[in-house]
Each structure stands twice: as structure tokens, then as C-alpha cells.
Amino acid sequence: MTTAAPQRPDLARELIARAQASAAHRARRLRNQLNAVQLGQGRHADHANTKVLRRILGEHEWPGHHLVGPAAARAAWSIALHSDDEPDFQRAAAILLERAVKSGDALIQHWAHLHDRALINNRHQQEYGTQLLLRADGIELYPLRAPESVDERRADVGLPPIAVALESVRRRYTSDRHAEEAPAVVLARAA
């Protein structure tokens, strides 16, 4: 990875600003602090973010560390990860991110998360166990292909064993709230 200044700081600023606003909205949604209008505004913002990222991907392929820097590359990943209403776009973004990983311009852990998310949004089982659902009655792992070898696959992409990841998520999302307060939310980057 690079530590040089990004080639496109303008794109970096835009991606970071969009991802930060989206993350703040998701945090408020998780805490049940949004009304129906605000929920709709969040969906609109997610669509707008997807449209911007689609344009960037069309012009530059994946906006990796060289083009936009590590923080903005993470922001692009977050936007792609939350483009759930466009599973074909998400799958295409995962392909471009994989290319960036292979060229040393992006993190393999980001690819694993986006790959899993694209799989579940296209009605397939996930590979790495990164996609979880937080429900009122606890944390649920989305269906997983070959669960007996998931820890090997996770190790290949630099992720901790699934039991460690699940325990971390449980502590993080359920220790300070009552079960009846927990909304059903997809946990994208927790595992």
C-alpha cells in the first residue's frame, strides 16, 4: 500500500464525506433515533452514494489507495457495502475491488466483506462469515458455505476465527441494550 498523497484528493474528500454522513445515519438508525422521514432520507442518500460510486468506478475502476488514499478507499468500500438495493452493482464493485487487492491497491479484508455482502444480496451463501443480522433475540450469522472450513478461509484473508468475531460482535451490540430494544439490522463490518 502507499503512503503518498492521493492522485485525486477531490474524489477522496467526496467519498469520505458521503461515507461519514451515511455512517452517522446508520448509527442513529441502530439506536432507533430516526422517524419515517429521516429513514427515507437515508435511503435516498444511499442511492445517491451508489450513483456517485458507480460514476467513479466507471471512470477509474476501484478507487484504491493510490487514487484516493486509504481513508477514502475505505469510504468507497463502505458505500459499496451499503448499496444493498443494487445487488448487480455490488457484485461488479466486488470484482473491481478484488482486482485492486491483487494489484496491492486495496485491503483484502474489505474485499471479503463486500464479496460476502454481494453473495447474500444475490441469494447465495456467504464465504467468510462477515455478514450478520442483529435481531431483538440476538446475533444471527447469514447462511455460510462449508462452515467447517470457514476459519481457514477467514485466515486466508486476514480475519480472526469466526467464534472470536461473533463474540466481539455480541459484546459490542448486545451488552448495553435490552433485547426488545434491538432492531433487526445487518451488521456489515463487525465480523
N, C-alpha and C. Protein backbone atom coordinates (compact mmCIF):
# COMPACT_ATOMS: atom_id res chain seq x y z
N MET A 1 0.84 -1.17 0.00
CA MET A 1 0.00 0.00 0.00
C MET A 1 0.89 1.24 0.00
N THR A 2 0.27 2.35 -0.32
CA THR A 2 1.04 3.58 -0.48
C THR A 2 0.82 4.55 0.66
N THR A 3 1.80 5.39 0.90
CA THR A 3 1.66 6.46 1.87
C THR A 3 1.75 7.82 1.18
N ALA A 4 1.92 7.82 -0.14
CA ALA A 4 2.00 9.06 -0.91
C ALA A 4 0.63 9.74 -0.93
N ALA A 5 0.64 11.02 -1.26
CA ALA A 5 -0.62 11.76 -1.39
C ALA A 5 -1.46 11.13 -2.49
N PRO A 6 -2.78 11.09 -2.30
CA PRO A 6 -3.63 10.51 -3.33
C PRO A 6 -3.61 11.35 -4.60
N GLN A 7 -3.81 10.67 -5.72
CA GLN A 7 -3.84 11.35 -7.01
C GLN A 7 -5.07 12.24 -7.17
N ARG A 8 -6.18 11.85 -6.54
CA ARG A 8 -7.44 12.59 -6.67
C ARG A 8 -7.99 12.97 -5.30
N PRO A 9 -7.43 13.99 -4.66
CA PRO A 9 -7.93 14.41 -3.35
C PRO A 9 -9.38 14.90 -3.40
N ASP A 10 -9.82 15.40 -4.54
CA ASP A 10 -11.21 15.83 -4.68
C ASP A 10 -12.16 14.65 -4.53
N LEU A 11 -11.84 13.53 -5.18
CA LEU A 11 -12.66 12.32 -5.03
C LEU A 11 -12.57 11.80 -3.61
N ALA A 12 -11.39 11.87 -3.03
CA ALA A 12 -11.20 11.40 -1.65
C ALA A 12 -12.11 12.16 -0.70
N ARG A 13 -12.14 13.48 -0.81
CA ARG A 13 -13.00 14.28 0.07
C ARG A 13 -14.47 13.92 -0.10
N GLU A 14 -14.89 13.76 -1.35
CA GLU A 14 -16.29 13.44 -1.60
C GLU A 14 -16.67 12.07 -1.03
N LEU A 15 -15.84 11.07 -1.26
CA LEU A 15 -16.13 9.73 -0.74
C LEU A 15 -16.17 9.72 0.78
N ILE A 16 -15.21 10.37 1.41
CA ILE A 16 -15.16 10.40 2.87
C ILE A 16 -16.38 11.11 3.44
N ALA A 17 -16.73 12.26 2.88
CA ALA A 17 -17.90 12.99 3.39
C ALA A 17 -19.17 12.17 3.26
N ARG A 18 -19.34 11.52 2.12
CA ARG A 18 -20.54 10.72 1.91
C ARG A 18 -20.59 9.52 2.88
N ALA A 19 -19.47 8.84 3.03
CA ALA A 19 -19.44 7.67 3.91
C ALA A 19 -19.64 8.07 5.37
N GLN A 20 -19.08 9.19 5.79
CA GLN A 20 -19.26 9.64 7.17
C GLN A 20 -20.72 9.99 7.46
N ALA A 21 -21.36 10.69 6.54
CA ALA A 21 -22.77 11.03 6.73
C ALA A 21 -23.63 9.77 6.78
N SER A 22 -23.32 8.83 5.91
CA SER A 22 -24.07 7.57 5.89
C SER A 22 -23.86 6.78 7.18
N ALA A 23 -22.64 6.74 7.67
CA ALA A 23 -22.35 6.01 8.91
C ALA A 23 -23.07 6.66 10.10
N ALA A 24 -23.11 7.98 10.15
CA ALA A 24 -23.82 8.66 11.23
C ALA A 24 -25.31 8.34 11.18
N HIS A 25 -25.86 8.29 9.99
CA HIS A 25 -27.27 7.96 9.82
C HIS A 25 -27.54 6.53 10.28
N ARG A 26 -26.67 5.59 9.87
CA ARG A 26 -26.86 4.19 10.28
C ARG A 26 -26.76 4.04 11.80
N ALA A 27 -25.86 4.78 12.43
CA ALA A 27 -25.72 4.71 13.89
C ALA A 27 -27.00 5.21 14.57
N ARG A 28 -27.57 6.27 14.05
CA ARG A 28 -28.84 6.78 14.61
C ARG A 28 -29.97 5.78 14.37
N ARG A 29 -29.97 5.13 13.20
CA ARG A 29 -30.99 4.12 12.91
C ARG A 29 -30.86 2.94 13.87
N LEU A 30 -29.63 2.52 14.13
CA LEU A 30 -29.40 1.40 15.03
C LEU A 30 -29.92 1.71 16.44
N ARG A 31 -29.83 2.97 16.83
CA ARG A 31 -30.32 3.38 18.16
C ARG A 31 -31.79 3.77 18.14
N ASN A 32 -32.48 3.52 17.02
CA ASN A 32 -33.90 3.87 16.87
C ASN A 32 -34.16 5.35 17.09
N GLN A 33 -33.31 6.20 16.54
CA GLN A 33 -33.44 7.64 16.73
C GLN A 33 -33.94 8.37 15.49
N LEU A 34 -34.53 7.64 14.55
CA LEU A 34 -34.97 8.26 13.31
C LEU A 34 -36.47 8.08 13.11
N ASN A 35 -37.10 9.12 12.57
CA ASN A 35 -38.51 8.99 12.21
C ASN A 35 -38.61 8.51 10.76
N ALA A 36 -39.82 8.34 10.27
CA ALA A 36 -40.03 7.78 8.93
C ALA A 36 -39.42 8.67 7.85
N VAL A 37 -39.52 9.98 8.00
CA VAL A 37 -38.96 10.90 7.01
C VAL A 37 -37.44 10.75 6.98
N GLN A 38 -36.81 10.70 8.14
CA GLN A 38 -35.36 10.56 8.21
C GLN A 38 -34.90 9.21 7.64
N LEU A 39 -35.68 8.16 7.87
CA LEU A 39 -35.35 6.87 7.28
C LEU A 39 -35.37 6.95 5.75
N GLY A 40 -36.37 7.61 5.21
CA GLY A 40 -36.46 7.80 3.76
C GLY A 40 -35.31 8.63 3.21
N GLN A 41 -34.92 9.66 3.96
CA GLN A 41 -33.78 10.49 3.55
C GLN A 41 -32.51 9.66 3.51
N GLY A 42 -32.36 8.75 4.45
CA GLY A 42 -31.19 7.87 4.47
C GLY A 42 -31.15 6.95 3.27
N ARG A 43 -32.30 6.41 2.89
CA ARG A 43 -32.37 5.55 1.70
C ARG A 43 -32.02 6.36 0.45
N HIS A 44 -32.52 7.59 0.39
CA HIS A 44 -32.21 8.46 -0.75
C HIS A 44 -30.71 8.74 -0.79
N ALA A 45 -30.11 9.01 0.35
CA ALA A 45 -28.66 9.27 0.40
C ALA A 45 -27.87 8.04 -0.03
N ASP A 46 -28.31 6.84 0.38
CA ASP A 46 -27.63 5.61 -0.05
C ASP A 46 -27.69 5.46 -1.57
N HIS A 47 -28.84 5.77 -2.17
CA HIS A 47 -28.97 5.70 -3.63
C HIS A 47 -28.04 6.71 -4.31
N ALA A 48 -28.00 7.92 -3.75
CA ALA A 48 -27.12 8.96 -4.32
C ALA A 48 -25.66 8.54 -4.19
N ASN A 49 -25.30 7.96 -3.05
CA ASN A 49 -23.92 7.50 -2.85
C ASN A 49 -23.56 6.41 -3.85
N THR A 50 -24.49 5.50 -4.10
CA THR A 50 -24.26 4.43 -5.07
C THR A 50 -24.05 5.02 -6.46
N LYS A 51 -24.85 6.01 -6.80
CA LYS A 51 -24.74 6.65 -8.11
C LYS A 51 -23.36 7.31 -8.27
N VAL A 52 -22.90 7.99 -7.24
CA VAL A 52 -21.58 8.64 -7.29
C VAL A 52 -20.48 7.59 -7.42
N LEU A 53 -20.57 6.53 -6.62
CA LEU A 53 -19.54 5.49 -6.68
C LEU A 53 -19.58 4.78 -8.04
N ARG A 54 -20.75 4.58 -8.59
CA ARG A 54 -20.87 3.96 -9.92
C ARG A 54 -20.12 4.81 -10.95
N ARG A 55 -20.28 6.13 -10.88
CA ARG A 55 -19.58 7.03 -11.80
C ARG A 55 -18.07 6.92 -11.61
N ILE A 56 -17.62 6.90 -10.37
CA ILE A 56 -16.19 6.79 -10.08
C ILE A 56 -15.63 5.47 -10.59
N LEU A 57 -16.36 4.39 -10.37
CA LEU A 57 -15.92 3.08 -10.86
C LEU A 57 -15.84 3.07 -12.38
N GLY A 58 -16.79 3.73 -13.02
CA GLY A 58 -16.79 3.79 -14.48
C GLY A 58 -15.60 4.57 -15.03
N GLU A 59 -15.19 5.59 -14.30
CA GLU A 59 -14.08 6.43 -14.76
C GLU A 59 -12.70 5.91 -14.35
N HIS A 60 -12.63 5.26 -13.17
CA HIS A 60 -11.33 4.93 -12.59
C HIS A 60 -11.17 3.47 -12.16
N GLU A 61 -12.19 2.65 -12.35
CA GLU A 61 -12.25 1.33 -11.73
C GLU A 61 -12.30 1.53 -10.21
N TRP A 62 -11.70 0.65 -9.42
CA TRP A 62 -11.83 0.80 -7.97
C TRP A 62 -10.99 1.98 -7.48
N PRO A 63 -11.57 2.87 -6.66
CA PRO A 63 -10.80 3.99 -6.11
C PRO A 63 -9.94 3.52 -4.94
N GLY A 64 -8.77 3.05 -5.27
CA GLY A 64 -7.88 2.47 -4.27
C GLY A 64 -6.97 3.48 -3.60
N HIS A 65 -6.01 2.96 -2.88
CA HIS A 65 -5.08 3.77 -2.08
C HIS A 65 -4.30 4.77 -2.93
N HIS A 66 -3.89 4.38 -4.12
CA HIS A 66 -3.12 5.29 -4.97
C HIS A 66 -3.98 6.46 -5.45
N LEU A 67 -5.19 6.18 -5.85
CA LEU A 67 -6.06 7.21 -6.42
C LEU A 67 -6.61 8.15 -5.35
N VAL A 68 -7.12 7.58 -4.22
CA VAL A 68 -7.82 8.42 -3.24
C VAL A 68 -7.27 8.32 -1.82
N GLY A 69 -6.33 7.44 -1.58
CA GLY A 69 -5.79 7.28 -0.22
C GLY A 69 -6.57 6.24 0.56
N PRO A 70 -5.97 5.73 1.65
CA PRO A 70 -6.60 4.66 2.42
C PRO A 70 -7.95 5.02 3.04
N ALA A 71 -8.10 6.23 3.58
CA ALA A 71 -9.37 6.60 4.22
C ALA A 71 -10.51 6.66 3.20
N ALA A 72 -10.23 7.21 2.04
CA ALA A 72 -11.27 7.31 1.01
C ALA A 72 -11.53 5.96 0.35
N ALA A 73 -10.50 5.12 0.26
CA ALA A 73 -10.72 3.76 -0.26
C ALA A 73 -11.65 3.01 0.68
N ARG A 74 -11.46 3.21 1.98
CA ARG A 74 -12.36 2.60 2.98
C ARG A 74 -13.77 3.17 2.82
N ALA A 75 -13.88 4.47 2.56
CA ALA A 75 -15.19 5.10 2.37
C ALA A 75 -15.88 4.51 1.15
N ALA A 76 -15.13 4.31 0.06
CA ALA A 76 -15.72 3.71 -1.15
C ALA A 76 -16.23 2.31 -0.84
N TRP A 77 -15.44 1.55 -0.07
CA TRP A 77 -15.85 0.21 0.33
C TRP A 77 -17.14 0.26 1.13
N SER A 78 -17.23 1.21 2.06
CA SER A 78 -18.43 1.33 2.88
C SER A 78 -19.66 1.66 2.02
N ILE A 79 -19.48 2.56 1.07
CA ILE A 79 -20.59 2.90 0.18
C ILE A 79 -21.02 1.68 -0.63
N ALA A 80 -20.08 0.95 -1.18
CA ALA A 80 -20.41 -0.25 -1.95
C ALA A 80 -21.11 -1.28 -1.06
N LEU A 81 -20.61 -1.42 0.14
CA LEU A 81 -21.17 -2.39 1.08
C LEU A 81 -22.63 -2.10 1.40
N HIS A 82 -22.98 -0.83 1.40
CA HIS A 82 -24.35 -0.45 1.75
C HIS A 82 -25.21 -0.14 0.53
N SER A 83 -24.80 -0.60 -0.62
CA SER A 83 -25.58 -0.46 -1.86
C SER A 83 -26.47 -1.69 -2.04
N ASP A 84 -27.15 -2.07 -0.98
CA ASP A 84 -27.93 -3.30 -0.97
C ASP A 84 -29.09 -3.33 -1.96
N ASP A 85 -29.59 -2.16 -2.33
CA ASP A 85 -30.70 -2.12 -3.28
C ASP A 85 -30.26 -2.38 -4.71
N GLU A 86 -28.95 -2.46 -4.93
CA GLU A 86 -28.42 -2.70 -6.28
C GLU A 86 -27.42 -3.85 -6.25
N PRO A 87 -27.92 -5.10 -6.11
CA PRO A 87 -27.02 -6.24 -5.97
C PRO A 87 -26.10 -6.46 -7.17
N ASP A 88 -26.54 -6.11 -8.37
CA ASP A 88 -25.66 -6.26 -9.54
C ASP A 88 -24.49 -5.28 -9.46
N PHE A 89 -24.77 -4.06 -9.03
CA PHE A 89 -23.71 -3.08 -8.84
C PHE A 89 -22.74 -3.56 -7.76
N GLN A 90 -23.30 -4.08 -6.67
CA GLN A 90 -22.46 -4.56 -5.57
C GLN A 90 -21.53 -5.68 -6.03
N ARG A 91 -22.05 -6.58 -6.83
CA ARG A 91 -21.23 -7.68 -7.35
C ARG A 91 -20.13 -7.14 -8.27
N ALA A 92 -20.46 -6.18 -9.12
CA ALA A 92 -19.46 -5.57 -10.01
C ALA A 92 -18.40 -4.82 -9.20
N ALA A 93 -18.83 -4.12 -8.17
CA ALA A 93 -17.88 -3.41 -7.30
C ALA A 93 -16.93 -4.40 -6.62
N ALA A 94 -17.46 -5.55 -6.20
CA ALA A 94 -16.61 -6.57 -5.57
C ALA A 94 -15.55 -7.09 -6.54
N ILE A 95 -15.92 -7.23 -7.80
CA ILE A 95 -14.96 -7.68 -8.82
C ILE A 95 -13.85 -6.65 -8.99
N LEU A 96 -14.23 -5.38 -9.07
CA LEU A 96 -13.23 -4.32 -9.22
C LEU A 96 -12.35 -4.19 -7.98
N LEU A 97 -12.96 -4.36 -6.81
CA LEU A 97 -12.19 -4.32 -5.57
C LEU A 97 -11.20 -5.48 -5.52
N GLU A 98 -11.62 -6.65 -5.97
CA GLU A 98 -10.71 -7.80 -5.99
C GLU A 98 -9.50 -7.51 -6.89
N ARG A 99 -9.73 -6.88 -8.03
CA ARG A 99 -8.62 -6.51 -8.91
C ARG A 99 -7.66 -5.55 -8.20
N ALA A 100 -8.22 -4.59 -7.47
CA ALA A 100 -7.39 -3.64 -6.73
C ALA A 100 -6.59 -4.35 -5.64
N VAL A 101 -7.19 -5.33 -4.99
CA VAL A 101 -6.47 -6.12 -3.98
C VAL A 101 -5.29 -6.83 -4.63
N LYS A 102 -5.54 -7.46 -5.77
CA LYS A 102 -4.48 -8.21 -6.46
C LYS A 102 -3.34 -7.31 -6.91
N SER A 103 -3.63 -6.05 -7.17
CA SER A 103 -2.57 -5.13 -7.58
C SER A 103 -1.96 -4.39 -6.39
N GLY A 104 -2.37 -4.75 -5.17
CA GLY A 104 -1.80 -4.14 -3.98
C GLY A 104 -2.35 -2.76 -3.67
N ASP A 105 -3.54 -2.44 -4.19
CA ASP A 105 -4.10 -1.11 -4.04
C ASP A 105 -5.32 -1.05 -3.11
N ALA A 106 -5.65 -2.16 -2.47
CA ALA A 106 -6.80 -2.21 -1.57
C ALA A 106 -6.61 -3.36 -0.58
N LEU A 107 -7.41 -3.34 0.47
CA LEU A 107 -7.31 -4.36 1.53
C LEU A 107 -8.16 -5.59 1.21
N ILE A 108 -7.57 -6.75 1.41
CA ILE A 108 -8.27 -7.99 1.14
C ILE A 108 -9.45 -8.19 2.09
N GLN A 109 -9.35 -7.66 3.31
CA GLN A 109 -10.46 -7.78 4.26
C GLN A 109 -11.68 -7.03 3.75
N HIS A 110 -11.46 -5.87 3.13
CA HIS A 110 -12.58 -5.14 2.54
C HIS A 110 -13.24 -5.97 1.45
N TRP A 111 -12.42 -6.60 0.61
CA TRP A 111 -12.97 -7.43 -0.44
C TRP A 111 -13.79 -8.58 0.15
N ALA A 112 -13.30 -9.24 1.18
CA ALA A 112 -14.01 -10.37 1.77
C ALA A 112 -15.40 -9.94 2.26
N HIS A 113 -15.47 -8.80 2.91
CA HIS A 113 -16.76 -8.29 3.39
C HIS A 113 -17.70 -7.98 2.23
N LEU A 114 -17.18 -7.28 1.23
CA LEU A 114 -18.03 -6.91 0.09
C LEU A 114 -18.43 -8.14 -0.71
N HIS A 115 -17.52 -9.08 -0.86
CA HIS A 115 -17.82 -10.33 -1.57
C HIS A 115 -18.96 -11.06 -0.86
N ASP A 116 -18.87 -11.20 0.46
CA ASP A 116 -19.94 -11.85 1.23
C ASP A 116 -21.26 -11.11 1.08
N ARG A 117 -21.21 -9.79 1.18
CA ARG A 117 -22.44 -8.99 1.10
C ARG A 117 -23.08 -9.17 -0.28
N ALA A 118 -22.27 -9.14 -1.34
CA ALA A 118 -22.80 -9.34 -2.68
C ALA A 118 -23.40 -10.74 -2.82
N LEU A 119 -22.76 -11.73 -2.22
CA LEU A 119 -23.31 -13.08 -2.29
C LEU A 119 -24.68 -13.16 -1.63
N ILE A 120 -24.81 -12.65 -0.41
CA ILE A 120 -26.11 -12.77 0.27
C ILE A 120 -27.18 -11.94 -0.42
N ASN A 121 -26.81 -10.79 -0.98
CA ASN A 121 -27.79 -9.98 -1.69
C ASN A 121 -28.18 -10.57 -3.03
N ASN A 122 -27.43 -11.55 -3.50
CA ASN A 122 -27.78 -12.28 -4.72
C ASN A 122 -28.26 -13.69 -4.38
N ARG A 123 -28.68 -13.88 -3.13
CA ARG A 123 -29.31 -15.13 -2.64
C ARG A 123 -28.38 -16.34 -2.68
N HIS A 124 -27.11 -16.10 -2.33
CA HIS A 124 -26.13 -17.19 -2.21
C HIS A 124 -25.60 -17.22 -0.78
N GLN A 125 -24.98 -18.30 -0.42
CA GLN A 125 -24.36 -18.39 0.90
C GLN A 125 -23.05 -17.63 0.90
N GLN A 126 -22.75 -16.99 2.02
CA GLN A 126 -21.51 -16.24 2.12
C GLN A 126 -20.32 -17.18 2.33
N GLU A 127 -19.13 -16.67 2.04
CA GLU A 127 -17.90 -17.45 2.11
C GLU A 127 -17.14 -17.26 3.43
N TYR A 128 -17.11 -16.04 3.94
CA TYR A 128 -16.21 -15.70 5.05
C TYR A 128 -16.91 -15.43 6.38
N GLY A 129 -18.23 -15.45 6.40
CA GLY A 129 -18.95 -15.24 7.65
C GLY A 129 -18.87 -13.82 8.16
N THR A 130 -18.80 -12.85 7.26
CA THR A 130 -18.70 -11.45 7.68
C THR A 130 -20.06 -10.79 7.83
N GLN A 131 -21.11 -11.39 7.32
CA GLN A 131 -22.42 -10.76 7.32
C GLN A 131 -23.32 -11.37 8.38
N LEU A 132 -23.74 -10.50 9.29
CA LEU A 132 -24.55 -10.90 10.43
C LEU A 132 -25.81 -10.07 10.47
N LEU A 133 -26.79 -10.57 11.18
CA LEU A 133 -28.04 -9.86 11.38
C LEU A 133 -28.27 -9.71 12.87
N LEU A 134 -28.45 -8.47 13.32
CA LEU A 134 -28.74 -8.19 14.72
C LEU A 134 -30.25 -8.14 14.86
N ARG A 135 -30.78 -9.05 15.66
CA ARG A 135 -32.23 -9.11 15.90
C ARG A 135 -32.48 -8.88 17.38
N ALA A 136 -33.73 -8.70 17.71
CA ALA A 136 -34.09 -8.50 19.12
C ALA A 136 -33.66 -9.68 19.98
N ASP A 137 -33.63 -10.88 19.39
CA ASP A 137 -33.29 -12.07 20.18
C ASP A 137 -31.82 -12.48 20.03
N GLY A 138 -30.99 -11.64 19.41
CA GLY A 138 -29.57 -11.95 19.34
C GLY A 138 -28.98 -11.75 17.96
N ILE A 139 -27.76 -12.24 17.81
CA ILE A 139 -27.00 -12.10 16.56
C ILE A 139 -27.17 -13.38 15.75
N GLU A 140 -27.43 -13.22 14.48
CA GLU A 140 -27.59 -14.37 13.59
C GLU A 140 -26.60 -14.25 12.43
N LEU A 141 -25.91 -15.33 12.15
CA LEU A 141 -24.98 -15.39 11.03
C LEU A 141 -25.77 -15.76 9.78
N TYR A 142 -25.60 -14.97 8.72
CA TYR A 142 -26.24 -15.34 7.46
C TYR A 142 -25.72 -16.70 7.03
N PRO A 143 -26.48 -17.44 6.21
CA PRO A 143 -26.05 -18.78 5.78
C PRO A 143 -24.64 -18.75 5.19
N LEU A 144 -23.90 -19.80 5.53
CA LEU A 144 -22.48 -19.88 5.23
C LEU A 144 -22.17 -21.15 4.45
N ARG A 145 -21.42 -21.01 3.37
CA ARG A 145 -20.98 -22.16 2.59
C ARG A 145 -19.88 -22.87 3.38
N ALA A 146 -19.94 -24.17 3.45
CA ALA A 146 -18.92 -25.01 4.09
C ALA A 146 -18.46 -24.44 5.42
N PRO A 147 -19.35 -24.38 6.41
CA PRO A 147 -18.99 -23.79 7.70
C PRO A 147 -17.80 -24.46 8.38
N GLU A 148 -17.58 -25.74 8.08
CA GLU A 148 -16.48 -26.45 8.73
C GLU A 148 -15.11 -25.91 8.33
N SER A 149 -15.02 -25.20 7.20
CA SER A 149 -13.72 -24.66 6.78
C SER A 149 -13.69 -23.13 6.76
N VAL A 150 -14.67 -22.49 7.41
CA VAL A 150 -14.72 -21.03 7.38
C VAL A 150 -13.50 -20.38 8.02
N ASP A 151 -12.99 -20.96 9.10
CA ASP A 151 -11.84 -20.35 9.76
C ASP A 151 -10.60 -20.37 8.87
N GLU A 152 -10.46 -21.40 8.04
CA GLU A 152 -9.35 -21.43 7.09
C GLU A 152 -9.49 -20.32 6.05
N ARG A 153 -10.71 -20.14 5.54
CA ARG A 153 -10.93 -19.08 4.55
C ARG A 153 -10.73 -17.71 5.19
N ARG A 154 -11.20 -17.55 6.42
CA ARG A 154 -11.03 -16.28 7.12
C ARG A 154 -9.54 -15.99 7.34
N ALA A 155 -8.78 -16.99 7.71
CA ALA A 155 -7.34 -16.78 7.92
C ALA A 155 -6.66 -16.36 6.62
N ASP A 156 -7.11 -16.91 5.51
CA ASP A 156 -6.53 -16.56 4.20
C ASP A 156 -6.70 -15.09 3.86
N VAL A 157 -7.73 -14.44 4.42
CA VAL A 157 -7.97 -13.03 4.13
C VAL A 157 -7.70 -12.14 5.35
N GLY A 158 -7.01 -12.68 6.34
CA GLY A 158 -6.61 -11.88 7.49
C GLY A 158 -7.70 -11.57 8.49
N LEU A 159 -8.74 -12.40 8.55
CA LEU A 159 -9.81 -12.22 9.52
C LEU A 159 -9.63 -13.19 10.67
N PRO A 160 -10.07 -12.81 11.87
CA PRO A 160 -9.96 -13.72 13.02
C PRO A 160 -10.93 -14.89 12.88
N PRO A 161 -10.74 -15.95 13.68
CA PRO A 161 -11.69 -17.07 13.65
C PRO A 161 -13.12 -16.59 13.89
N ILE A 162 -14.07 -17.30 13.33
CA ILE A 162 -15.47 -16.88 13.39
C ILE A 162 -15.97 -16.78 14.83
N ALA A 163 -15.55 -17.67 15.72
CA ALA A 163 -16.00 -17.61 17.12
C ALA A 163 -15.54 -16.32 17.78
N VAL A 164 -14.33 -15.90 17.50
CA VAL A 164 -13.79 -14.65 18.06
C VAL A 164 -14.59 -13.46 17.52
N ALA A 165 -14.84 -13.46 16.23
CA ALA A 165 -15.59 -12.37 15.61
C ALA A 165 -17.01 -12.29 16.16
N LEU A 166 -17.67 -13.43 16.29
CA LEU A 166 -19.05 -13.44 16.80
C LEU A 166 -19.10 -12.95 18.25
N GLU A 167 -18.16 -13.36 19.06
CA GLU A 167 -18.13 -12.91 20.46
C GLU A 167 -17.90 -11.41 20.53
N SER A 168 -17.03 -10.89 19.69
CA SER A 168 -16.77 -9.45 19.66
C SER A 168 -18.04 -8.69 19.28
N VAL A 169 -18.76 -9.18 18.29
CA VAL A 169 -20.00 -8.53 17.86
C VAL A 169 -21.04 -8.61 18.97
N ARG A 170 -21.15 -9.75 19.60
CA ARG A 170 -22.14 -9.88 20.69
C ARG A 170 -21.86 -8.89 21.81
N ARG A 171 -20.61 -8.77 22.19
CA ARG A 171 -20.25 -7.82 23.25
C ARG A 171 -20.54 -6.39 22.81
N ARG A 172 -20.23 -6.09 21.60
CA ARG A 172 -20.37 -4.73 21.09
C ARG A 172 -21.81 -4.29 20.94
N TYR A 173 -22.68 -5.18 20.47
CA TYR A 173 -24.03 -4.77 20.12
C TYR A 173 -25.12 -5.20 21.08
N THR A 174 -24.85 -6.07 22.02
CA THR A 174 -25.95 -6.51 22.88
C THR A 174 -25.69 -6.30 24.36
N SER A 175 -24.51 -5.88 24.76
CA SER A 175 -24.22 -5.77 26.20
C SER A 175 -24.93 -4.62 26.87
N ASP A 176 -25.18 -3.53 26.17
CA ASP A 176 -25.75 -2.36 26.83
C ASP A 176 -27.18 -2.04 26.40
N ARG A 177 -27.87 -3.01 25.87
CA ARG A 177 -29.26 -2.75 25.47
C ARG A 177 -30.12 -3.96 25.83
N HIS A 178 -31.37 -3.67 26.05
CA HIS A 178 -32.32 -4.75 26.29
C HIS A 178 -32.70 -5.36 24.96
N ALA A 179 -32.95 -6.64 24.93
CA ALA A 179 -33.23 -7.35 23.68
C ALA A 179 -34.40 -6.74 22.92
N GLU A 180 -35.44 -6.31 23.64
CA GLU A 180 -36.61 -5.79 22.95
C GLU A 180 -36.32 -4.44 22.27
N GLU A 181 -35.22 -3.78 22.63
CA GLU A 181 -34.85 -2.51 22.02
C GLU A 181 -34.06 -2.69 20.74
N ALA A 182 -33.49 -3.87 20.52
CA ALA A 182 -32.59 -4.09 19.38
C ALA A 182 -33.37 -4.27 18.09
N PRO A 183 -33.19 -3.37 17.11
CA PRO A 183 -33.85 -3.54 15.82
C PRO A 183 -33.13 -4.59 15.00
N ALA A 184 -33.79 -5.10 13.98
CA ALA A 184 -33.13 -6.02 13.05
C ALA A 184 -32.28 -5.19 12.10
N VAL A 185 -30.98 -5.37 12.15
CA VAL A 185 -30.05 -4.58 11.35
C VAL A 185 -28.96 -5.50 10.83
N VAL A 186 -28.58 -5.31 9.57
CA VAL A 186 -27.46 -6.05 9.02
C VAL A 186 -26.18 -5.43 9.55
N LEU A 187 -25.32 -6.28 10.11
CA LEU A 187 -24.04 -5.82 10.61
C LEU A 187 -23.00 -6.12 9.55
N ALA A 188 -22.52 -5.11 8.91
CA ALA A 188 -21.65 -5.30 7.76
C ALA A 188 -20.19 -5.49 8.13
N ARG A 189 -19.62 -4.59 8.88
CA ARG A 189 -18.18 -4.66 9.06
C ARG A 189 -17.81 -5.19 10.43
N ALA A 190 -18.75 -5.68 11.16
CA ALA A 190 -18.47 -6.13 12.52
C ALA A 190 -17.68 -7.43 12.55
N ALA A 191 -17.95 -8.34 11.66
CA ALA A 191 -17.31 -9.64 11.71
C ALA A 191 -16.13 -9.64 10.78
